[in-house]
Amino acid sequence: MAKKKGFQMADLGHIVTGFILKNLPFLAFLGFLAIVYIANAHYAEKSVMRIQLLQKETKELRWYYMSLQSENMYNSMQSEVADRVRPEGLRLQRGKPKKIVVK
């Protein structure tokens, strides 16, 4: 009869199973870290998309503000105001202002 050398396959399976069971808390911790890592990646991606959307909206609002400011400056010019009030019977005073004295 031949001598048995080393471990048998059944012994190896028993050792691997024992190793896994002994390190189960560590494996659970690694799984938890993997879940946290994936969740963090999704959160970061969502944050980046939200930042890009807000930057686009800010740019559009800035252009809208600048166009309103330009329109307001144009409408407040003296010649433009004079043209708008002319149909109501108002006109520009060309001479010196008159002083009203109340006694």
PDB file of N, CA and C in Angstrom:
ATOM      1  N   MET A   1       0.798  -1.175   0.000  1.00  0.00           N
ATOM      2  CA  MET A   1       0.000   0.000   0.000  1.00  0.00           C
ATOM      3  C   MET A   1       0.849   1.249   0.000  1.00  0.00           C
ATOM      4  N   ALA A   2       0.342   2.250  -0.694  1.00  0.00           N
ATOM      5  CA  ALA A   2       1.075   3.507  -0.787  1.00  0.00           C
ATOM      6  C   ALA A   2       0.729   4.394   0.394  1.00  0.00           C
ATOM      7  N   LYS A   3       1.715   5.177   0.804  1.00  0.00           N
ATOM      8  CA  LYS A   3       1.491   6.105   1.901  1.00  0.00           C
ATOM      9  C   LYS A   3       0.742   7.325   1.399  1.00  0.00           C
ATOM     10  N   LYS A   4      -0.051   7.909   2.279  1.00  0.00           N
ATOM     11  CA  LYS A   4      -0.769   9.140   1.924  1.00  0.00           C
ATOM     12  C   LYS A   4       0.179  10.311   2.130  1.00  0.00           C
ATOM     13  N   LYS A   5       0.286  11.151   1.129  1.00  0.00           N
ATOM     14  CA  LYS A   5       1.167  12.296   1.240  1.00  0.00           C
ATOM     15  C   LYS A   5       0.323  13.566   1.345  1.00  0.00           C
ATOM     16  N   GLY A   6       0.644  14.458   2.262  1.00  0.00           N
ATOM     17  CA  GLY A   6       0.011  15.768   2.388  1.00  0.00           C
ATOM     18  C   GLY A   6      -1.451  15.688   2.774  1.00  0.00           C
ATOM     19  N   PHE A   7      -2.152  16.719   2.373  1.00  0.00           N
ATOM     20  CA  PHE A   7      -3.570  16.849   2.706  1.00  0.00           C
ATOM     21  C   PHE A   7      -4.422  16.203   1.632  1.00  0.00           C
ATOM     22  N   GLN A   8      -5.528  15.709   2.040  1.00  0.00           N
ATOM     23  CA  GLN A   8      -6.523  15.214   1.109  1.00  0.00           C
ATOM     24  C   GLN A   8      -7.411  16.393   0.696  1.00  0.00           C
ATOM     25  N   MET A   9      -8.194  16.286  -0.345  1.00  0.00           N
ATOM     26  CA  MET A   9      -9.105  17.339  -0.803  1.00  0.00           C
ATOM     27  C   MET A   9     -10.153  17.653   0.244  1.00  0.00           C
ATOM     28  N   ALA A  10     -10.601  16.680   0.970  1.00  0.00           N
ATOM     29  CA  ALA A  10     -11.596  16.908   2.011  1.00  0.00           C
ATOM     30  C   ALA A  10     -11.007  17.751   3.121  1.00  0.00           C
ATOM     31  N   ASP A  11      -9.741  17.489   3.456  1.00  0.00           N
ATOM     32  CA  ASP A  11      -9.078  18.293   4.487  1.00  0.00           C
ATOM     33  C   ASP A  11      -8.913  19.740   4.027  1.00  0.00           C
ATOM     34  N   LEU A  12      -8.574  19.944   2.750  1.00  0.00           N
ATOM     35  CA  LEU A  12      -8.392  21.286   2.206  1.00  0.00           C
ATOM     36  C   LEU A  12      -9.706  22.062   2.243  1.00  0.00           C
ATOM     37  N   GLY A  13     -10.810  21.428   1.885  1.00  0.00           N
ATOM     38  CA  GLY A  13     -12.114  22.083   1.932  1.00  0.00           C
ATOM     39  C   GLY A  13     -12.497  22.474   3.348  1.00  0.00           C
ATOM     40  N   HIS A  14     -12.157  21.653   4.285  1.00  0.00           N
ATOM     41  CA  HIS A  14     -12.456  21.940   5.690  1.00  0.00           C
ATOM     42  C   HIS A  14     -11.634  23.139   6.173  1.00  0.00           C
ATOM     43  N   ILE A  15     -10.394  23.221   5.740  1.00  0.00           N
ATOM     44  CA  ILE A  15      -9.524  24.342   6.135  1.00  0.00           C
ATOM     45  C   ILE A  15     -10.028  25.647   5.530  1.00  0.00           C
ATOM     46  N   VAL A  16     -10.402  25.638   4.255  1.00  0.00           N
ATOM     47  CA  VAL A  16     -10.912  26.846   3.580  1.00  0.00           C
ATOM     48  C   VAL A  16     -12.209  27.306   4.230  1.00  0.00           C
ATOM     49  N   THR A  17     -13.082  26.378   4.532  1.00  0.00           N
ATOM     50  CA  THR A  17     -14.348  26.730   5.173  1.00  0.00           C
ATOM     51  C   THR A  17     -14.094  27.334   6.551  1.00  0.00           C
ATOM     52  N   GLY A  18     -13.182  26.745   7.289  1.00  0.00           N
ATOM     53  CA  GLY A  18     -12.837  27.290   8.601  1.00  0.00           C
ATOM     54  C   GLY A  18     -12.244  28.681   8.501  1.00  0.00           C
ATOM     55  N   PHE A  19     -11.388  28.903   7.500  1.00  0.00           N
ATOM     56  CA  PHE A  19     -10.765  30.214   7.294  1.00  0.00           C
ATOM     57  C   PHE A  19     -11.825  31.276   6.973  1.00  0.00           C
ATOM     58  N   ILE A  20     -12.768  30.923   6.114  1.00  0.00           N
ATOM     59  CA  ILE A  20     -13.828  31.872   5.730  1.00  0.00           C
ATOM     60  C   ILE A  20     -14.716  32.182   6.926  1.00  0.00           C
ATOM     61  N   LEU A  21     -15.103  31.169   7.674  1.00  0.00           N
ATOM     62  CA  LEU A  21     -15.950  31.406   8.846  1.00  0.00           C
ATOM     63  C   LEU A  21     -15.221  32.214   9.910  1.00  0.00           C
ATOM     64  N   LYS A  22     -13.944  31.998  10.066  1.00  0.00           N
ATOM     65  CA  LYS A  22     -13.177  32.740  11.056  1.00  0.00           C
ATOM     66  C   LYS A  22     -13.063  34.223  10.664  1.00  0.00           C
ATOM     67  N   ASN A  23     -12.985  34.491   9.378  1.00  0.00           N
ATOM     68  CA  ASN A  23     -12.830  35.866   8.887  1.00  0.00           C
ATOM     69  C   ASN A  23     -14.134  36.475   8.383  1.00  0.00           C
ATOM     70  N   LEU A  24     -15.262  35.912   8.726  1.00  0.00           N
ATOM     71  CA  LEU A  24     -16.558  36.406   8.254  1.00  0.00           C
ATOM     72  C   LEU A  24     -16.832  37.851   8.673  1.00  0.00           C
ATOM     73  N   PRO A  25     -16.541  38.274   9.901  1.00  0.00           N
ATOM     74  CA  PRO A  25     -16.764  39.691  10.237  1.00  0.00           C
ATOM     75  C   PRO A  25     -15.950  40.644   9.360  1.00  0.00           C
ATOM     76  N   PHE A  26     -14.715  40.262   9.066  1.00  0.00           N
ATOM     77  CA  PHE A  26     -13.889  41.100   8.198  1.00  0.00           C
ATOM     78  C   PHE A  26     -14.446  41.151   6.780  1.00  0.00           C
ATOM     79  N   LEU A  27     -14.919  40.028   6.273  1.00  0.00           N
ATOM     80  CA  LEU A  27     -15.519  40.004   4.930  1.00  0.00           C
ATOM     81  C   LEU A  27     -16.797  40.831   4.886  1.00  0.00           C
ATOM     82  N   ALA A  28     -17.577  40.783   5.963  1.00  0.00           N
ATOM     83  CA  ALA A  28     -18.789  41.619   6.034  1.00  0.00           C
ATOM     84  C   ALA A  28     -18.404  43.097   6.050  1.00  0.00           C
ATOM     85  N   PHE A  29     -17.349  43.439   6.761  1.00  0.00           N
ATOM     86  CA  PHE A  29     -16.867  44.821   6.785  1.00  0.00           C
ATOM     87  C   PHE A  29     -16.425  45.268   5.402  1.00  0.00           C
ATOM     88  N   LEU A  30     -15.714  44.408   4.677  1.00  0.00           N
ATOM     89  CA  LEU A  30     -15.293  44.741   3.313  1.00  0.00           C
ATOM     90  C   LEU A  30     -16.497  44.938   2.393  1.00  0.00           C
ATOM     91  N   GLY A  31     -17.534  44.107   2.565  1.00  0.00           N
ATOM     92  CA  GLY A  31     -18.760  44.273   1.779  1.00  0.00           C
ATOM     93  C   GLY A  31     -19.442  45.598   2.092  1.00  0.00           C
ATOM     94  N   PHE A  32     -19.469  45.960   3.369  1.00  0.00           N
ATOM     95  CA  PHE A  32     -20.056  47.244   3.773  1.00  0.00           C
ATOM     96  C   PHE A  32     -19.282  48.408   3.158  1.00  0.00           C
ATOM     97  N   LEU A  33     -17.941  48.318   3.186  1.00  0.00           N
ATOM     98  CA  LEU A  33     -17.129  49.372   2.570  1.00  0.00           C
ATOM     99  C   LEU A  33     -17.384  49.479   1.073  1.00  0.00           C
ATOM    100  N   ALA A  34     -17.584  48.358   0.405  1.00  0.00           N
ATOM    101  CA  ALA A  34     -17.878  48.377  -1.032  1.00  0.00           C
ATOM    102  C   ALA A  34     -19.209  49.072  -1.299  1.00  0.00           C
ATOM    103  N   ILE A  35     -20.213  48.798  -0.475  1.00  0.00           N
ATOM    104  CA  ILE A  35     -21.519  49.443  -0.635  1.00  0.00           C
ATOM    105  C   ILE A  35     -21.408  50.949  -0.397  1.00  0.00           C
ATOM    106  N   VAL A  36     -20.670  51.347   0.638  1.00  0.00           N
ATOM    107  CA  VAL A  36     -20.467  52.775   0.917  1.00  0.00           C
ATOM    108  C   VAL A  36     -19.730  53.446  -0.231  1.00  0.00           C
ATOM    109  N   TYR A  37     -18.729  52.772  -0.797  1.00  0.00           N
ATOM    110  CA  TYR A  37     -17.971  53.324  -1.918  1.00  0.00           C
ATOM    111  C   TYR A  37     -18.870  53.548  -3.138  1.00  0.00           C
ATOM    112  N   ILE A  38     -19.712  52.579  -3.448  1.00  0.00           N
ATOM    113  CA  ILE A  38     -20.626  52.698  -4.593  1.00  0.00           C
ATOM    114  C   ILE A  38     -21.638  53.810  -4.352  1.00  0.00           C
ATOM    115  N   ALA A  39     -22.182  53.880  -3.139  1.00  0.00           N
ATOM    116  CA  ALA A  39     -23.152  54.934  -2.819  1.00  0.00           C
ATOM    117  C   ALA A  39     -22.503  56.311  -2.915  1.00  0.00           C
ATOM    118  N   ASN A  40     -21.272  56.429  -2.458  1.00  0.00           N
ATOM    119  CA  ASN A  40     -20.566  57.703  -2.525  1.00  0.00           C
ATOM    120  C   ASN A  40     -20.325  58.121  -3.976  1.00  0.00           C
ATOM    121  N   ALA A  41     -20.014  57.175  -4.840  1.00  0.00           N
ATOM    122  CA  ALA A  41     -19.803  57.481  -6.260  1.00  0.00           C
ATOM    123  C   ALA A  41     -21.099  57.982  -6.899  1.00  0.00           C
ATOM    124  N   HIS A  42     -22.223  57.352  -6.567  1.00  0.00           N
ATOM    125  CA  HIS A  42     -23.512  57.799  -7.112  1.00  0.00           C
ATOM    126  C   HIS A  42     -23.861  59.191  -6.596  1.00  0.00           C
ATOM    127  N   TYR A  43     -23.614  59.438  -5.323  1.00  0.00           N
ATOM    128  CA  TYR A  43     -23.904  60.744  -4.737  1.00  0.00           C
ATOM    129  C   TYR A  43     -23.050  61.825  -5.390  1.00  0.00           C
ATOM    130  N   ALA A  44     -21.774  61.534  -5.611  1.00  0.00           N
ATOM    131  CA  ALA A  44     -20.880  62.508  -6.244  1.00  0.00           C
ATOM    132  C   ALA A  44     -21.322  62.808  -7.673  1.00  0.00           C
ATOM    133  N   GLU A  45     -21.723  61.787  -8.409  1.00  0.00           N
ATOM    134  CA  GLU A  45     -22.176  61.989  -9.789  1.00  0.00           C
ATOM    135  C   GLU A  45     -23.448  62.842  -9.821  1.00  0.00           C
ATOM    136  N   LYS A  46     -24.373  62.560  -8.897  1.00  0.00           N
ATOM    137  CA  LYS A  46     -25.598  63.351  -8.828  1.00  0.00           C
ATOM    138  C   LYS A  46     -25.289  64.807  -8.473  1.00  0.00           C
ATOM    139  N   SER A  47     -24.331  65.015  -7.574  1.00  0.00           N
ATOM    140  CA  SER A  47     -23.945  66.368  -7.183  1.00  0.00           C
ATOM    141  C   SER A  47     -23.324  67.122  -8.350  1.00  0.00           C
ATOM    142  N   VAL A  48     -22.494  66.458  -9.121  1.00  0.00           N
ATOM    143  CA  VAL A  48     -21.861  67.098 -10.275  1.00  0.00           C
ATOM    144  C   VAL A  48     -22.921  67.502 -11.298  1.00  0.00           C
ATOM    145  N   MET A  49     -23.884  66.631 -11.552  1.00  0.00           N
ATOM    146  CA  MET A  49     -24.943  66.964 -12.515  1.00  0.00           C
ATOM    147  C   MET A  49     -25.776  68.148 -12.012  1.00  0.00           C
ATOM    148  N   ARG A  50     -26.049  68.187 -10.710  1.00  0.00           N
ATOM    149  CA  ARG A  50     -26.826  69.297 -10.134  1.00  0.00           C
ATOM    150  C   ARG A  50     -26.035  70.603 -10.239  1.00  0.00           C
ATOM    151  N   ILE A  51     -24.735  70.555  -9.994  1.00  0.00           N
ATOM    152  CA  ILE A  51     -23.892  71.747 -10.109  1.00  0.00           C
ATOM    153  C   ILE A  51     -23.889  72.262 -11.539  1.00  0.00           C
ATOM    154  N   GLN A  52     -23.774  71.371 -12.505  1.00  0.00           N
ATOM    155  CA  GLN A  52     -23.782  71.788 -13.912  1.00  0.00           C
ATOM    156  C   GLN A  52     -25.118  72.421 -14.290  1.00  0.00           C
ATOM    157  N   LEU A  53     -26.220  71.858 -13.791  1.00  0.00           N
ATOM    158  CA  LEU A  53     -27.537  72.423 -14.071  1.00  0.00           C
ATOM    159  C   LEU A  53     -27.662  73.816 -13.466  1.00  0.00           C
ATOM    160  N   LEU A  54     -27.194  73.998 -12.239  1.00  0.00           N
ATOM    161  CA  LEU A  54     -27.265  75.302 -11.591  1.00  0.00           C
ATOM    162  C   LEU A  54     -26.365  76.320 -12.281  1.00  0.00           C
ATOM    163  N   GLN A  55     -25.206  75.887 -12.775  1.00  0.00           N
ATOM    164  CA  GLN A  55     -24.333  76.798 -13.512  1.00  0.00           C
ATOM    165  C   GLN A  55     -24.998  77.256 -14.805  1.00  0.00           C
ATOM    166  N   LYS A  56     -25.675  76.354 -15.489  1.00  0.00           N
ATOM    167  CA  LYS A  56     -26.378  76.716 -16.723  1.00  0.00           C
ATOM    168  C   LYS A  56     -27.497  77.698 -16.416  1.00  0.00           C
ATOM    169  N   GLU A  57     -28.254  77.426 -15.354  1.00  0.00           N
ATOM    170  CA  GLU A  57     -29.352  78.318 -14.977  1.00  0.00           C
ATOM    171  C   GLU A  57     -28.812  79.686 -14.566  1.00  0.00           C
ATOM    172  N   THR A  58     -27.703  79.718 -13.850  1.00  0.00           N
ATOM    173  CA  THR A  58     -27.098  80.987 -13.442  1.00  0.00           C
ATOM    174  C   THR A  58     -26.668  81.798 -14.654  1.00  0.00           C
ATOM    175  N   LYS A  59     -26.093  81.116 -15.646  1.00  0.00           N
ATOM    176  CA  LYS A  59     -25.660  81.806 -16.860  1.00  0.00           C
ATOM    177  C   LYS A  59     -26.857  82.409 -17.600  1.00  0.00           C
ATOM    178  N   GLU A  60     -27.952  81.643 -17.694  1.00  0.00           N
ATOM    179  CA  GLU A  60     -29.151  82.155 -18.361  1.00  0.00           C
ATOM    180  C   GLU A  60     -29.737  83.345 -17.608  1.00  0.00           C
ATOM    181  N   LEU A  61     -29.787  83.257 -16.281  1.00  0.00           N
ATOM    182  CA  LEU A  61     -30.322  84.363 -15.490  1.00  0.00           C
ATOM    183  C   LEU A  61     -29.422  85.604 -15.585  1.00  0.00           C
ATOM    184  N   ARG A  62     -28.108  85.412 -15.684  1.00  0.00           N
ATOM    185  CA  ARG A  62     -27.199  86.546 -15.840  1.00  0.00           C
ATOM    186  C   ARG A  62     -27.461  87.264 -17.162  1.00  0.00           C
ATOM    187  N   TRP A  63     -27.659  86.482 -18.234  1.00  0.00           N
ATOM    188  CA  TRP A  63     -27.958  87.099 -19.533  1.00  0.00           C
ATOM    189  C   TRP A  63     -29.298  87.837 -19.484  1.00  0.00           C
ATOM    190  N   TYR A  64     -30.289  87.249 -18.808  1.00  0.00           N
ATOM    191  CA  TYR A  64     -31.592  87.910 -18.684  1.00  0.00           C
ATOM    192  C   TYR A  64     -31.454  89.211 -17.908  1.00  0.00           C
ATOM    193  N   TYR A  65     -30.681  89.197 -16.823  1.00  0.00           N
ATOM    194  CA  TYR A  65     -30.459  90.407 -16.024  1.00  0.00           C
ATOM    195  C   TYR A  65     -29.774  91.489 -16.854  1.00  0.00           C
ATOM    196  N   MET A  66     -28.752  91.095 -17.621  1.00  0.00           N
ATOM    197  CA  MET A  66     -28.027  92.080 -18.423  1.00  0.00           C
ATOM    198  C   MET A  66     -28.925  92.682 -19.499  1.00  0.00           C
ATOM    199  N   SER A  67     -29.809  91.890 -20.093  1.00  0.00           N
ATOM    200  CA  SER A  67     -30.707  92.440 -21.118  1.00  0.00           C
ATOM    201  C   SER A  67     -31.723  93.392 -20.491  1.00  0.00           C
ATOM    202  N   LEU A  68     -32.227  93.043 -19.288  1.00  0.00           N
ATOM    203  CA  LEU A  68     -33.151  93.948 -18.602  1.00  0.00           C
ATOM    204  C   LEU A  68     -32.457  95.246 -18.193  1.00  0.00           C
ATOM    205  N   GLN A  69     -31.226  95.148 -17.735  1.00  0.00           N
ATOM    206  CA  GLN A  69     -30.477  96.338 -17.344  1.00  0.00           C
ATOM    207  C   GLN A  69     -30.233  97.237 -18.555  1.00  0.00           C
ATOM    208  N   SER A  70     -29.895  96.643 -19.677  1.00  0.00           N
ATOM    209  CA  SER A  70     -29.676  97.418 -20.899  1.00  0.00           C
ATOM    210  C   SER A  70     -30.966  98.115 -21.346  1.00  0.00           C
ATOM    211  N   GLU A  71     -32.070  97.375 -21.297  1.00  0.00           N
ATOM    212  CA  GLU A  71     -33.365  97.960 -21.672  1.00  0.00           C
ATOM    213  C   GLU A  71     -33.747  99.094 -20.723  1.00  0.00           C
ATOM    214  N   ASN A  72     -33.481  98.921 -19.433  1.00  0.00           N
ATOM    215  CA  ASN A  72     -33.803  99.953 -18.457  1.00  0.00           C
ATOM    216  C   ASN A  72     -32.963 101.204 -18.689  1.00  0.00           C
ATOM    217  N   MET A  73     -31.699 101.041 -19.004  1.00  0.00           N
ATOM    218  CA  MET A  73     -30.833 102.193 -19.281  1.00  0.00           C
ATOM    219  C   MET A  73     -31.314 102.940 -20.524  1.00  0.00           C
ATOM    220  N   TYR A  74     -31.744 102.190 -21.535  1.00  0.00           N
ATOM    221  CA  TYR A  74     -32.240 102.834 -22.756  1.00  0.00           C
ATOM    222  C   TYR A  74     -33.530 103.599 -22.479  1.00  0.00           C
ATOM    223  N   ASN A  75     -34.449 102.998 -21.707  1.00  0.00           N
ATOM    224  CA  ASN A  75     -35.737 103.643 -21.427  1.00  0.00           C
ATOM    225  C   ASN A  75     -35.613 104.832 -20.490  1.00  0.00           C
ATOM    226  N   SER A  76     -34.530 104.943 -19.740  1.00  0.00           N
ATOM    227  CA  SER A  76     -34.390 106.067 -18.811  1.00  0.00           C
ATOM    228  C   SER A  76     -33.621 107.240 -19.421  1.00  0.00           C
ATOM    229  N   MET A  77     -33.236 107.132 -20.693  1.00  0.00           N
ATOM    230  CA  MET A  77     -32.564 108.261 -21.349  1.00  0.00           C
ATOM    231  C   MET A  77     -33.555 109.409 -21.499  1.00  0.00           C
ATOM    232  N   GLN A  78     -33.039 110.647 -21.414  1.00  0.00           N
ATOM    233  CA  GLN A  78     -33.909 111.823 -21.449  1.00  0.00           C
ATOM    234  C   GLN A  78     -34.704 111.901 -22.745  1.00  0.00           C
ATOM    235  N   SER A  79     -34.092 111.610 -23.863  1.00  0.00           N
ATOM    236  CA  SER A  79     -34.807 111.693 -25.134  1.00  0.00           C
ATOM    237  C   SER A  79     -35.925 110.648 -25.207  1.00  0.00           C
ATOM    238  N   GLU A  80     -35.686 109.460 -24.669  1.00  0.00           N
ATOM    239  CA  GLU A  80     -36.706 108.409 -24.686  1.00  0.00           C
ATOM    240  C   GLU A  80     -37.870 108.772 -23.768  1.00  0.00           C
ATOM    241  N   VAL A  81     -37.574 109.334 -22.605  1.00  0.00           N
ATOM    242  CA  VAL A  81     -38.628 109.751 -21.675  1.00  0.00           C
ATOM    243  C   VAL A  81     -39.453 110.873 -22.306  1.00  0.00           C
ATOM    244  N   ALA A  82     -38.792 111.817 -22.972  1.00  0.00           N
ATOM    245  CA  ALA A  82     -39.502 112.926 -23.614  1.00  0.00           C
ATOM    246  C   ALA A  82     -40.444 112.412 -24.704  1.00  0.00           C
ATOM    247  N   ASP A  83     -40.002 111.434 -25.477  1.00  0.00           N
ATOM    248  CA  ASP A  83     -40.855 110.871 -26.527  1.00  0.00           C
ATOM    249  C   ASP A  83     -42.071 110.147 -25.939  1.00  0.00           C
ATOM    250  N   ARG A  84     -41.910 109.529 -24.779  1.00  0.00           N
ATOM    251  CA  ARG A  84     -43.015 108.777 -24.173  1.00  0.00           C
ATOM    252  C   ARG A  84     -44.062 109.678 -23.516  1.00  0.00           C
ATOM    253  N   VAL A  85     -43.650 110.838 -23.015  1.00  0.00           N
ATOM    254  CA  VAL A  85     -44.607 111.717 -22.329  1.00  0.00           C
ATOM    255  C   VAL A  85     -45.199 112.770 -23.264  1.00  0.00           C
ATOM    256  N   ARG A  86     -44.681 112.908 -24.453  1.00  0.00           N
ATOM    257  CA  ARG A  86     -45.194 113.900 -25.413  1.00  0.00           C
ATOM    258  C   ARG A  86     -46.688 113.692 -25.718  1.00  0.00           C
ATOM    259  N   PRO A  87     -47.201 112.450 -25.922  1.00  0.00           N
ATOM    260  CA  PRO A  87     -48.635 112.277 -26.194  1.00  0.00           C
ATOM    261  C   PRO A  87     -49.524 112.722 -25.026  1.00  0.00           C
ATOM    262  N   GLU A  88     -48.993 112.795 -23.833  1.00  0.00           N
ATOM    263  CA  GLU A  88     -49.778 113.224 -22.675  1.00  0.00           C
ATOM    264  C   GLU A  88     -49.759 114.739 -22.492  1.00  0.00           C
ATOM    265  N   GLY A  89     -49.109 115.463 -23.383  1.00  0.00           N
ATOM    266  CA  GLY A  89     -49.096 116.919 -23.329  1.00  0.00           C
ATOM    267  C   GLY A  89     -47.920 117.480 -22.554  1.00  0.00           C
ATOM    268  N   LEU A  90     -47.009 116.677 -22.135  1.00  0.00           N
ATOM    269  CA  LEU A  90     -45.830 117.173 -21.419  1.00  0.00           C
ATOM    270  C   LEU A  90     -44.698 117.392 -22.410  1.00  0.00           C
ATOM    271  N   ARG A  91     -43.902 118.411 -22.125  1.00  0.00           N
ATOM    272  CA  ARG A  91     -42.767 118.682 -22.996  1.00  0.00           C
ATOM    273  C   ARG A  91     -41.602 119.158 -22.162  1.00  0.00           C
ATOM    274  N   LEU A  92     -40.444 119.189 -22.778  1.00  0.00           N
ATOM    275  CA  LEU A  92     -39.245 119.617 -22.087  1.00  0.00           C
ATOM    276  C   LEU A  92     -39.262 121.116 -21.850  1.00  0.00           C
ATOM    277  N   GLN A  93     -38.759 121.529 -20.711  1.00  0.00           N
ATOM    278  CA  GLN A  93     -38.622 122.950 -20.393  1.00  0.00           C
ATOM    279  C   GLN A  93     -37.314 123.425 -21.015  1.00  0.00           C
ATOM    280  N   ARG A  94     -37.391 124.448 -21.880  1.00  0.00           N
ATOM    281  CA  ARG A  94     -36.194 124.918 -22.573  1.00  0.00           C
ATOM    282  C   ARG A  94     -35.539 126.108 -21.858  1.00  0.00           C
ATOM    283  N   GLY A  95     -36.297 126.867 -21.138  1.00  0.00           N
ATOM    284  CA  GLY A  95     -35.734 128.069 -20.476  1.00  0.00           C
ATOM    285  C   GLY A  95     -35.450 127.793 -19.014  1.00  0.00           C
ATOM    286  N   LYS A  96     -35.245 128.921 -18.285  1.00  0.00           N
ATOM    287  CA  LYS A  96     -35.013 128.787 -16.865  1.00  0.00           C
ATOM    288  C   LYS A  96     -36.294 128.385 -16.177  1.00  0.00           C
ATOM    289  N   PRO A  97     -36.177 127.705 -15.046  1.00  0.00           N
ATOM    290  CA  PRO A  97     -37.381 127.364 -14.308  1.00  0.00           C
ATOM    291  C   PRO A  97     -38.017 128.597 -13.705  1.00  0.00           C
ATOM    292  N   LYS A  98     -39.345 128.635 -13.608  1.00  0.00           N
ATOM    293  CA  LYS A  98     -40.050 129.786 -13.044  1.00  0.00           C
ATOM    294  C   LYS A  98     -40.241 129.555 -11.554  1.00  0.00           C
ATOM    295  N   LYS A  99     -40.108 130.596 -10.797  1.00  0.00           N
ATOM    296  CA  LYS A  99     -40.226 130.533  -9.356  1.00  0.00           C
ATOM    297  C   LYS A  99     -41.650 130.917  -8.972  1.00  0.00           C
ATOM    298  N   ILE A 100     -42.284 130.112  -8.149  1.00  0.00           N
ATOM    299  CA  ILE A 100     -43.648 130.377  -7.669  1.00  0.00           C
ATOM    300  C   ILE A 100     -43.521 130.841  -6.225  1.00  0.00           C
ATOM    301  N   VAL A 101     -44.070 132.053  -5.970  1.00  0.00           N
ATOM    302  CA  VAL A 101     -44.010 132.611  -4.613  1.00  0.00           C
ATOM    303  C   VAL A 101     -45.433 132.584  -4.045  1.00  0.00           C
ATOM    304  N   VAL A 102     -45.583 131.987  -2.874  1.00  0.00           N
ATOM    305  CA  VAL A 102     -46.881 131.914  -2.208  1.00  0.00           C
ATOM    306  C   VAL A 102     -46.826 132.844  -1.004  1.00  0.00           C
ATOM    307  N   LYS A 103     -47.835 133.813  -0.922  1.00  0.00           N
ATOM    308  CA  LYS A 103     -47.863 134.766   0.186  1.00  0.00           C
ATOM    309  C   LYS A 103     -48.953 134.442   1.142  1.00  0.00           C
TER     310      LYS A 103
END
